[in-house]
């Protein structure tokens, strides 16, 4: 993503990734690891490119919960 927010604070820019399940268009949540111990999330349709920062533990819990909820559908 060339227009991703700058989380570098003087370091190399993080590589933003989208899920392989991401639909075409702007319905995605790109994810990056800007610094060790930090996960960055942004909404691709958000014109402000606001970034939510979280920990790997919290991110793993969110992904696990989403996967568990999808298995109950």
N, C-alpha and C. Protein backbone atom coordinates (compact mmCIF):
# COMPACT_ATOMS: atom_id res chain seq x y z
N UNK A 1 0.85 -1.18 0.00
CA UNK A 1 0.00 0.00 0.00
C UNK A 1 0.88 1.23 0.00
N UNK A 2 0.76 2.01 -0.97
CA UNK A 2 1.61 3.18 -1.05
C UNK A 2 1.09 4.35 -0.23
N UNK A 3 -0.20 4.39 0.06
CA UNK A 3 -0.76 5.51 0.79
C UNK A 3 -1.03 5.19 2.25
N UNK A 4 -0.38 4.17 2.77
CA UNK A 4 -0.57 3.77 4.17
C UNK A 4 0.01 4.84 5.10
N UNK A 5 -0.54 4.93 6.29
CA UNK A 5 -0.04 5.89 7.26
C UNK A 5 1.41 5.60 7.63
N UNK A 6 2.13 6.65 8.02
CA UNK A 6 3.53 6.51 8.42
C UNK A 6 3.59 6.23 9.91
N UNK A 7 3.98 5.00 10.27
CA UNK A 7 4.13 4.62 11.67
C UNK A 7 5.60 4.49 12.04
N UNK A 8 6.47 4.94 11.17
CA UNK A 8 7.88 4.60 11.27
C UNK A 8 8.64 5.31 12.37
N UNK A 9 8.32 6.54 12.64
CA UNK A 9 9.07 7.33 13.62
C UNK A 9 10.57 7.19 13.37
N UNK A 10 10.96 7.35 12.08
CA UNK A 10 12.37 7.30 11.72
C UNK A 10 12.88 5.93 11.32
N UNK A 11 12.04 4.89 11.40
CA UNK A 11 12.44 3.54 11.01
C UNK A 11 11.92 3.24 9.61
N UNK A 12 12.31 2.10 9.06
CA UNK A 12 11.80 1.68 7.77
C UNK A 12 10.28 1.52 7.84
N UNK A 13 9.60 1.85 6.76
CA UNK A 13 8.14 1.75 6.72
C UNK A 13 7.69 0.30 6.85
N UNK A 14 6.64 0.06 7.64
CA UNK A 14 6.13 -1.32 7.77
C UNK A 14 5.44 -1.74 6.48
N UNK A 15 5.41 -3.03 6.23
CA UNK A 15 4.71 -3.57 5.07
C UNK A 15 3.26 -3.82 5.46
N UNK A 16 2.34 -3.12 4.83
CA UNK A 16 0.93 -3.32 5.09
C UNK A 16 0.44 -4.49 4.27
N UNK A 17 -0.37 -5.36 4.90
CA UNK A 17 -0.88 -6.55 4.24
C UNK A 17 -2.40 -6.60 4.36
N UNK A 18 -3.03 -7.14 3.31
CA UNK A 18 -4.47 -7.39 3.34
C UNK A 18 -4.69 -8.89 3.32
N UNK A 19 -5.77 -9.32 3.89
CA UNK A 19 -6.13 -10.74 3.91
C UNK A 19 -6.37 -11.25 2.49
N UNK A 20 -6.06 -12.50 2.27
CA UNK A 20 -6.38 -13.12 0.98
C UNK A 20 -7.89 -13.26 0.81
N UNK A 21 -8.65 -13.11 1.88
CA UNK A 21 -10.10 -13.17 1.82
C UNK A 21 -10.72 -11.80 1.55
N UNK A 22 -9.91 -10.79 1.44
CA UNK A 22 -10.39 -9.43 1.23
C UNK A 22 -11.07 -9.32 -0.13
N UNK A 23 -12.27 -8.77 -0.14
CA UNK A 23 -12.99 -8.56 -1.39
C UNK A 23 -12.31 -7.45 -2.20
N UNK A 24 -12.55 -7.44 -3.46
CA UNK A 24 -12.03 -6.36 -4.30
C UNK A 24 -12.64 -5.05 -3.83
N UNK A 25 -11.88 -3.99 -3.90
CA UNK A 25 -12.39 -2.69 -3.49
C UNK A 25 -11.80 -2.25 -2.17
N UNK A 26 -12.59 -1.53 -1.41
CA UNK A 26 -12.09 -0.89 -0.20
C UNK A 26 -12.65 -1.50 1.09
N UNK A 27 -13.10 -2.74 1.07
CA UNK A 27 -13.68 -3.37 2.25
C UNK A 27 -12.65 -4.23 2.96
N UNK A 28 -11.52 -3.65 3.32
CA UNK A 28 -10.42 -4.40 3.92
C UNK A 28 -9.88 -3.69 5.15
N UNK A 29 -9.19 -4.46 5.97
CA UNK A 29 -8.49 -3.90 7.12
C UNK A 29 -7.02 -4.30 6.98
N UNK A 30 -6.20 -3.42 6.41
CA UNK A 30 -4.77 -3.71 6.30
C UNK A 30 -4.13 -3.79 7.67
N UNK A 31 -3.13 -4.66 7.77
CA UNK A 31 -2.43 -4.92 9.03
C UNK A 31 -0.93 -4.76 8.80
N UNK A 32 -0.24 -4.20 9.78
CA UNK A 32 1.22 -4.05 9.70
C UNK A 32 1.83 -4.23 11.08
N UNK A 33 3.13 -4.49 11.10
CA UNK A 33 3.90 -4.57 12.34
C UNK A 33 4.92 -3.44 12.28
N UNK A 34 4.53 -2.25 12.78
CA UNK A 34 5.43 -1.10 12.68
C UNK A 34 6.64 -1.18 13.61
N UNK A 35 6.46 -1.79 14.76
CA UNK A 35 7.56 -1.98 15.71
C UNK A 35 7.35 -3.33 16.39
N UNK A 36 8.40 -3.95 16.87
CA UNK A 36 8.22 -5.21 17.59
C UNK A 36 7.24 -5.04 18.76
N UNK A 37 6.30 -5.95 18.87
CA UNK A 37 5.33 -5.89 19.96
C UNK A 37 4.13 -5.00 19.69
N UNK A 38 3.99 -4.50 18.45
CA UNK A 38 2.87 -3.64 18.09
C UNK A 38 2.27 -4.10 16.77
N UNK A 39 0.94 -4.15 16.72
CA UNK A 39 0.21 -4.44 15.50
C UNK A 39 -0.55 -3.18 15.12
N UNK A 40 -0.46 -2.78 13.86
CA UNK A 40 -1.20 -1.62 13.36
C UNK A 40 -2.31 -2.08 12.45
N UNK A 41 -3.50 -1.50 12.61
CA UNK A 41 -4.66 -1.81 11.78
C UNK A 41 -5.22 -0.50 11.24
N UNK A 42 -5.69 -0.52 10.01
CA UNK A 42 -6.35 0.65 9.46
C UNK A 42 -7.47 0.20 8.54
N UNK A 43 -8.48 1.00 8.38
CA UNK A 43 -9.60 0.70 7.49
C UNK A 43 -9.28 1.31 6.13
N UNK A 44 -9.26 0.47 5.10
CA UNK A 44 -8.84 0.95 3.78
C UNK A 44 -9.77 2.01 3.21
N UNK A 45 -11.02 2.06 3.64
CA UNK A 45 -11.96 3.06 3.14
C UNK A 45 -11.91 4.36 3.94
N UNK A 46 -11.17 4.40 5.03
CA UNK A 46 -11.10 5.60 5.88
C UNK A 46 -10.19 6.63 5.23
N UNK A 47 -10.75 7.76 4.81
CA UNK A 47 -9.92 8.77 4.14
C UNK A 47 -8.85 9.38 5.04
N UNK A 48 -9.04 9.32 6.36
CA UNK A 48 -8.03 9.88 7.28
C UNK A 48 -6.89 8.92 7.53
N UNK A 49 -7.08 7.63 7.15
CA UNK A 49 -6.07 6.59 7.35
C UNK A 49 -5.67 6.47 8.82
N UNK A 50 -6.63 6.62 9.71
CA UNK A 50 -6.41 6.48 11.14
C UNK A 50 -5.90 5.07 11.44
N UNK A 51 -4.95 4.97 12.35
CA UNK A 51 -4.36 3.68 12.69
C UNK A 51 -4.70 3.32 14.13
N UNK A 52 -5.16 2.09 14.31
CA UNK A 52 -5.40 1.52 15.63
C UNK A 52 -4.19 0.66 15.95
N UNK A 53 -3.60 0.87 17.08
CA UNK A 53 -2.45 0.06 17.51
C UNK A 53 -2.88 -0.88 18.62
N UNK A 54 -2.37 -2.11 18.56
CA UNK A 54 -2.70 -3.10 19.58
C UNK A 54 -1.49 -4.01 19.78
N UNK A 55 -1.62 -4.94 20.71
CA UNK A 55 -0.54 -5.88 20.97
C UNK A 55 -0.77 -7.18 20.19
N UNK A 56 0.28 -7.95 19.96
CA UNK A 56 0.09 -9.25 19.31
C UNK A 56 -0.88 -10.16 20.07
N UNK A 57 -0.87 -10.10 21.39
CA UNK A 57 -1.77 -10.92 22.20
C UNK A 57 -3.23 -10.55 21.97
N UNK A 58 -3.52 -9.26 21.98
CA UNK A 58 -4.89 -8.80 21.74
C UNK A 58 -5.32 -9.11 20.31
N UNK A 59 -4.42 -8.94 19.35
CA UNK A 59 -4.73 -9.24 17.95
C UNK A 59 -5.06 -10.73 17.80
N UNK A 60 -4.26 -11.60 18.40
CA UNK A 60 -4.49 -13.04 18.33
C UNK A 60 -5.84 -13.41 18.95
N UNK A 61 -6.19 -12.76 20.06
CA UNK A 61 -7.48 -13.02 20.71
C UNK A 61 -8.63 -12.61 19.80
N UNK A 62 -8.52 -11.47 19.13
CA UNK A 62 -9.55 -11.02 18.21
C UNK A 62 -9.72 -12.00 17.05
N UNK A 63 -8.62 -12.39 16.44
CA UNK A 63 -8.68 -13.33 15.31
C UNK A 63 -9.28 -14.66 15.76
N UNK A 64 -8.85 -15.15 16.92
CA UNK A 64 -9.39 -16.41 17.44
C UNK A 64 -10.90 -16.30 17.66
N UNK A 65 -11.36 -15.20 18.24
CA UNK A 65 -12.78 -15.00 18.50
C UNK A 65 -13.58 -14.94 17.19
N UNK A 66 -13.06 -14.25 16.21
CA UNK A 66 -13.75 -14.16 14.92
C UNK A 66 -13.86 -15.54 14.28
N UNK A 67 -12.77 -16.31 14.33
CA UNK A 67 -12.80 -17.66 13.75
C UNK A 67 -13.79 -18.55 14.49
N UNK A 68 -13.83 -18.45 15.80
CA UNK A 68 -14.76 -19.26 16.59
C UNK A 68 -16.20 -18.89 16.29
N UNK A 69 -16.49 -17.58 16.18
CA UNK A 69 -17.84 -17.13 15.88
C UNK A 69 -18.28 -17.58 14.50
N UNK A 70 -17.38 -17.59 13.54
CA UNK A 70 -17.73 -18.02 12.17
C UNK A 70 -18.03 -19.50 12.13
N UNK A 71 -17.43 -20.29 13.01
CA UNK A 71 -17.68 -21.73 13.00
C UNK A 71 -19.07 -22.07 13.55
N UNK A 72 -19.72 -21.11 14.22
CA UNK A 72 -21.05 -21.34 14.77
C UNK A 72 -22.17 -20.92 13.82
N UNK A 73 -21.82 -20.37 12.67
CA UNK A 73 -22.84 -19.91 11.69
C UNK A 73 -23.49 -21.08 10.99
